[in-house]
Amino acid sequence: MQAGHKNTYDSIASFSATDFREDLKRFDVPTLVIHGGDDQIVPLDISGKASAAQIREAKLIVYPGAPHGLTDTHKERFNQDLLDFIES
């Protein structure tokens, strides 16, 4: 809410048009992918599932019914899952 309109638009345009698939294949650290099952902004199949499939030994956690902003709507579960992953 504090970014300029052009900067916000340019960052969204750049992010949505950049192909990260080759970068994901090079990950060599434990990786956790958490995605909302009802994300209407970035659908699960083309984002969370696809990313986890590209990252060697990635752990995917899907929150059924969760939206795009799950770090706010499911913050307690998200924080616990993140801590559990870090401690494992």
N, C-alpha and C. Protein backbone atom coordinates (compact mmCIF):
# COMPACT_ATOMS: atom_id res chain seq x y z
N MET A 1 0.81 -1.19 0.00
CA MET A 1 0.00 0.00 0.00
C MET A 1 0.87 1.26 0.00
N GLN A 2 2.16 1.09 0.12
CA GLN A 2 3.03 2.25 0.12
C GLN A 2 3.85 2.35 -1.16
N ALA A 3 3.67 1.40 -2.06
CA ALA A 3 4.41 1.43 -3.32
C ALA A 3 3.69 2.30 -4.34
N GLY A 4 4.45 2.85 -5.27
CA GLY A 4 3.85 3.61 -6.34
C GLY A 4 3.11 2.70 -7.31
N HIS A 5 2.13 3.25 -8.00
CA HIS A 5 1.32 2.44 -8.92
C HIS A 5 2.17 1.82 -10.03
N LYS A 6 3.03 2.61 -10.64
CA LYS A 6 3.86 2.07 -11.73
C LYS A 6 4.82 1.00 -11.24
N ASN A 7 5.44 1.24 -10.09
CA ASN A 7 6.37 0.24 -9.54
C ASN A 7 5.65 -1.07 -9.23
N THR A 8 4.47 -0.96 -8.66
CA THR A 8 3.69 -2.16 -8.33
C THR A 8 3.31 -2.90 -9.61
N TYR A 9 2.81 -2.18 -10.58
CA TYR A 9 2.43 -2.79 -11.85
C TYR A 9 3.63 -3.46 -12.52
N ASP A 10 4.76 -2.77 -12.57
CA ASP A 10 5.95 -3.33 -13.22
C ASP A 10 6.44 -4.58 -12.51
N SER A 11 6.39 -4.60 -11.18
CA SER A 11 6.88 -5.79 -10.46
C SER A 11 5.95 -6.98 -10.69
N ILE A 12 4.66 -6.74 -10.73
CA ILE A 12 3.70 -7.83 -10.99
C ILE A 12 3.88 -8.34 -12.42
N ALA A 13 4.02 -7.42 -13.36
CA ALA A 13 4.21 -7.82 -14.76
C ALA A 13 5.49 -8.63 -14.91
N SER A 14 6.56 -8.20 -14.27
CA SER A 14 7.84 -8.91 -14.37
C SER A 14 7.76 -10.28 -13.72
N PHE A 15 7.19 -10.35 -12.53
CA PHE A 15 7.08 -11.62 -11.81
C PHE A 15 6.24 -12.62 -12.59
N SER A 16 5.14 -12.17 -13.14
CA SER A 16 4.23 -13.09 -13.82
C SER A 16 4.77 -13.54 -15.18
N ALA A 17 5.73 -12.81 -15.74
CA ALA A 17 6.26 -13.16 -17.05
C ALA A 17 7.62 -13.85 -17.00
N THR A 18 8.17 -14.03 -15.81
CA THR A 18 9.49 -14.65 -15.68
C THR A 18 9.33 -16.15 -15.47
N ASP A 19 10.07 -16.92 -16.22
CA ASP A 19 10.04 -18.39 -16.12
C ASP A 19 11.14 -18.84 -15.17
N PHE A 20 10.74 -19.33 -13.99
CA PHE A 20 11.69 -19.74 -12.95
C PHE A 20 11.97 -21.24 -12.96
N ARG A 21 11.43 -21.98 -13.91
CA ARG A 21 11.54 -23.45 -13.87
C ARG A 21 12.97 -23.95 -13.82
N GLU A 22 13.86 -23.41 -14.61
CA GLU A 22 15.25 -23.87 -14.59
C GLU A 22 15.93 -23.53 -13.27
N ASP A 23 15.59 -22.39 -12.69
CA ASP A 23 16.14 -22.02 -11.38
C ASP A 23 15.70 -23.02 -10.30
N LEU A 24 14.44 -23.41 -10.34
CA LEU A 24 13.92 -24.35 -9.33
C LEU A 24 14.66 -25.69 -9.38
N LYS A 25 15.03 -26.12 -10.56
CA LYS A 25 15.73 -27.40 -10.71
C LYS A 25 17.11 -27.38 -10.05
N ARG A 26 17.66 -26.20 -9.82
CA ARG A 26 19.00 -26.07 -9.24
C ARG A 26 18.98 -25.93 -7.70
N PHE A 27 17.81 -25.86 -7.10
CA PHE A 27 17.75 -25.76 -5.64
C PHE A 27 18.45 -26.97 -5.04
N ASP A 28 19.30 -26.73 -4.05
CA ASP A 28 20.01 -27.84 -3.40
C ASP A 28 19.93 -27.73 -1.88
N VAL A 29 18.88 -27.09 -1.40
CA VAL A 29 18.64 -26.96 0.03
C VAL A 29 17.23 -27.45 0.33
N PRO A 30 16.98 -27.89 1.55
CA PRO A 30 15.61 -28.29 1.90
C PRO A 30 14.63 -27.15 1.59
N THR A 31 13.54 -27.50 0.96
CA THR A 31 12.59 -26.48 0.51
C THR A 31 11.18 -26.87 0.91
N LEU A 32 10.48 -25.92 1.49
CA LEU A 32 9.08 -26.11 1.88
C LEU A 32 8.22 -25.23 0.99
N VAL A 33 7.21 -25.83 0.38
CA VAL A 33 6.24 -25.09 -0.43
C VAL A 33 4.90 -25.23 0.27
N ILE A 34 4.32 -24.10 0.66
CA ILE A 34 3.00 -24.09 1.29
C ILE A 34 2.07 -23.32 0.36
N HIS A 35 0.91 -23.92 0.07
CA HIS A 35 0.00 -23.29 -0.88
C HIS A 35 -1.45 -23.50 -0.44
N GLY A 36 -2.27 -22.50 -0.68
CA GLY A 36 -3.70 -22.61 -0.39
C GLY A 36 -4.42 -23.41 -1.45
N GLY A 37 -5.24 -24.32 -1.03
CA GLY A 37 -5.99 -25.16 -1.97
C GLY A 37 -7.05 -24.40 -2.75
N ASP A 38 -7.44 -23.22 -2.26
CA ASP A 38 -8.45 -22.42 -2.95
C ASP A 38 -7.89 -21.06 -3.35
N ASP A 39 -6.61 -21.04 -3.70
CA ASP A 39 -5.96 -19.80 -4.13
C ASP A 39 -6.52 -19.39 -5.49
N GLN A 40 -7.25 -18.28 -5.53
CA GLN A 40 -7.85 -17.80 -6.77
C GLN A 40 -6.92 -16.86 -7.54
N ILE A 41 -5.81 -16.46 -6.92
CA ILE A 41 -4.86 -15.56 -7.56
C ILE A 41 -3.79 -16.35 -8.32
N VAL A 42 -3.21 -17.34 -7.63
CA VAL A 42 -2.17 -18.20 -8.21
C VAL A 42 -2.61 -19.64 -7.97
N PRO A 43 -3.27 -20.27 -8.94
CA PRO A 43 -3.82 -21.61 -8.74
C PRO A 43 -2.78 -22.65 -8.33
N LEU A 44 -3.19 -23.54 -7.46
CA LEU A 44 -2.33 -24.58 -6.88
C LEU A 44 -1.63 -25.42 -7.95
N ASP A 45 -2.35 -25.93 -8.92
CA ASP A 45 -1.75 -26.86 -9.88
C ASP A 45 -0.62 -26.24 -10.69
N ILE A 46 -0.77 -24.98 -11.08
CA ILE A 46 0.25 -24.37 -11.93
C ILE A 46 1.33 -23.65 -11.12
N SER A 47 1.18 -23.63 -9.81
CA SER A 47 2.17 -22.92 -9.00
C SER A 47 2.76 -23.82 -7.93
N GLY A 48 2.04 -24.04 -6.84
CA GLY A 48 2.58 -24.81 -5.73
C GLY A 48 2.98 -26.22 -6.12
N LYS A 49 2.08 -26.94 -6.77
CA LYS A 49 2.38 -28.32 -7.18
C LYS A 49 3.49 -28.35 -8.22
N ALA A 50 3.42 -27.45 -9.19
CA ALA A 50 4.43 -27.42 -10.24
C ALA A 50 5.80 -27.06 -9.68
N SER A 51 5.86 -26.11 -8.77
CA SER A 51 7.14 -25.72 -8.16
C SER A 51 7.72 -26.87 -7.35
N ALA A 52 6.90 -27.48 -6.52
CA ALA A 52 7.39 -28.58 -5.69
C ALA A 52 7.89 -29.74 -6.54
N ALA A 53 7.26 -29.97 -7.68
CA ALA A 53 7.69 -31.05 -8.57
C ALA A 53 9.04 -30.76 -9.21
N GLN A 54 9.39 -29.50 -9.36
CA GLN A 54 10.66 -29.12 -9.98
C GLN A 54 11.83 -29.11 -8.99
N ILE A 55 11.52 -29.01 -7.70
CA ILE A 55 12.57 -28.90 -6.67
C ILE A 55 12.83 -30.27 -6.07
N ARG A 56 14.06 -30.71 -6.16
CA ARG A 56 14.45 -32.03 -5.65
C ARG A 56 14.10 -32.13 -4.16
N GLU A 57 13.31 -33.13 -3.82
CA GLU A 57 12.93 -33.45 -2.44
C GLU A 57 12.21 -32.32 -1.71
N ALA A 58 11.49 -31.49 -2.44
CA ALA A 58 10.70 -30.44 -1.81
C ALA A 58 9.53 -31.05 -1.04
N LYS A 59 9.15 -30.38 0.03
CA LYS A 59 7.98 -30.80 0.79
C LYS A 59 6.85 -29.82 0.46
N LEU A 60 5.72 -30.36 0.01
CA LEU A 60 4.56 -29.55 -0.34
C LEU A 60 3.48 -29.75 0.72
N ILE A 61 2.98 -28.66 1.26
CA ILE A 61 1.85 -28.69 2.18
C ILE A 61 0.75 -27.85 1.56
N VAL A 62 -0.43 -28.45 1.39
CA VAL A 62 -1.58 -27.74 0.85
C VAL A 62 -2.60 -27.57 1.96
N TYR A 63 -3.07 -26.34 2.14
CA TYR A 63 -4.12 -26.06 3.12
C TYR A 63 -5.46 -26.06 2.38
N PRO A 64 -6.24 -27.12 2.55
CA PRO A 64 -7.53 -27.19 1.84
C PRO A 64 -8.39 -25.96 2.15
N GLY A 65 -8.93 -25.38 1.10
CA GLY A 65 -9.82 -24.23 1.24
C GLY A 65 -9.13 -22.91 1.53
N ALA A 66 -7.81 -22.91 1.68
CA ALA A 66 -7.10 -21.68 2.03
C ALA A 66 -6.93 -20.79 0.80
N PRO A 67 -6.98 -19.46 1.01
CA PRO A 67 -6.84 -18.52 -0.09
C PRO A 67 -5.38 -18.15 -0.35
N HIS A 68 -5.19 -17.20 -1.24
CA HIS A 68 -3.87 -16.69 -1.59
C HIS A 68 -3.16 -16.11 -0.36
N GLY A 69 -3.87 -15.43 0.49
CA GLY A 69 -3.27 -14.77 1.65
C GLY A 69 -3.24 -15.65 2.88
N LEU A 70 -2.89 -16.91 2.73
CA LEU A 70 -2.95 -17.85 3.85
C LEU A 70 -2.00 -17.51 5.00
N THR A 71 -0.97 -16.73 4.73
CA THR A 71 -0.07 -16.34 5.82
C THR A 71 -0.78 -15.44 6.82
N ASP A 72 -1.91 -14.88 6.43
CA ASP A 72 -2.73 -14.09 7.35
C ASP A 72 -3.92 -14.90 7.86
N THR A 73 -4.62 -15.58 6.95
CA THR A 73 -5.82 -16.31 7.33
C THR A 73 -5.52 -17.58 8.11
N HIS A 74 -4.35 -18.15 7.92
CA HIS A 74 -3.95 -19.40 8.59
C HIS A 74 -2.61 -19.23 9.29
N LYS A 75 -2.38 -18.07 9.88
CA LYS A 75 -1.05 -17.72 10.39
C LYS A 75 -0.54 -18.66 11.47
N GLU A 76 -1.40 -19.15 12.36
CA GLU A 76 -0.93 -20.06 13.40
C GLU A 76 -0.44 -21.36 12.79
N ARG A 77 -1.22 -21.94 11.89
CA ARG A 77 -0.81 -23.19 11.24
C ARG A 77 0.43 -22.97 10.38
N PHE A 78 0.45 -21.88 9.63
CA PHE A 78 1.60 -21.56 8.79
C PHE A 78 2.87 -21.46 9.63
N ASN A 79 2.81 -20.69 10.71
CA ASN A 79 3.99 -20.53 11.57
C ASN A 79 4.43 -21.86 12.16
N GLN A 80 3.48 -22.71 12.58
CA GLN A 80 3.83 -24.01 13.14
C GLN A 80 4.47 -24.91 12.09
N ASP A 81 3.89 -24.94 10.90
CA ASP A 81 4.46 -25.75 9.82
C ASP A 81 5.87 -25.27 9.45
N LEU A 82 6.07 -23.97 9.44
CA LEU A 82 7.39 -23.42 9.14
C LEU A 82 8.39 -23.79 10.22
N LEU A 83 8.01 -23.66 11.47
CA LEU A 83 8.90 -24.04 12.57
C LEU A 83 9.22 -25.54 12.53
N ASP A 84 8.20 -26.35 12.29
CA ASP A 84 8.42 -27.80 12.21
C ASP A 84 9.40 -28.14 11.08
N PHE A 85 9.28 -27.48 9.96
CA PHE A 85 10.16 -27.73 8.83
C PHE A 85 11.59 -27.32 9.16
N ILE A 86 11.75 -26.17 9.79
CA ILE A 86 13.09 -25.69 10.15
C ILE A 86 13.76 -26.64 11.16
N GLU A 87 12.97 -27.16 12.07
CA GLU A 87 13.51 -28.05 13.11
C GLU A 87 13.76 -29.46 12.61
N SER A 88 13.21 -29.83 11.45
CA SER A 88 13.38 -31.21 10.96
C SER A 88 14.70 -31.42 10.25
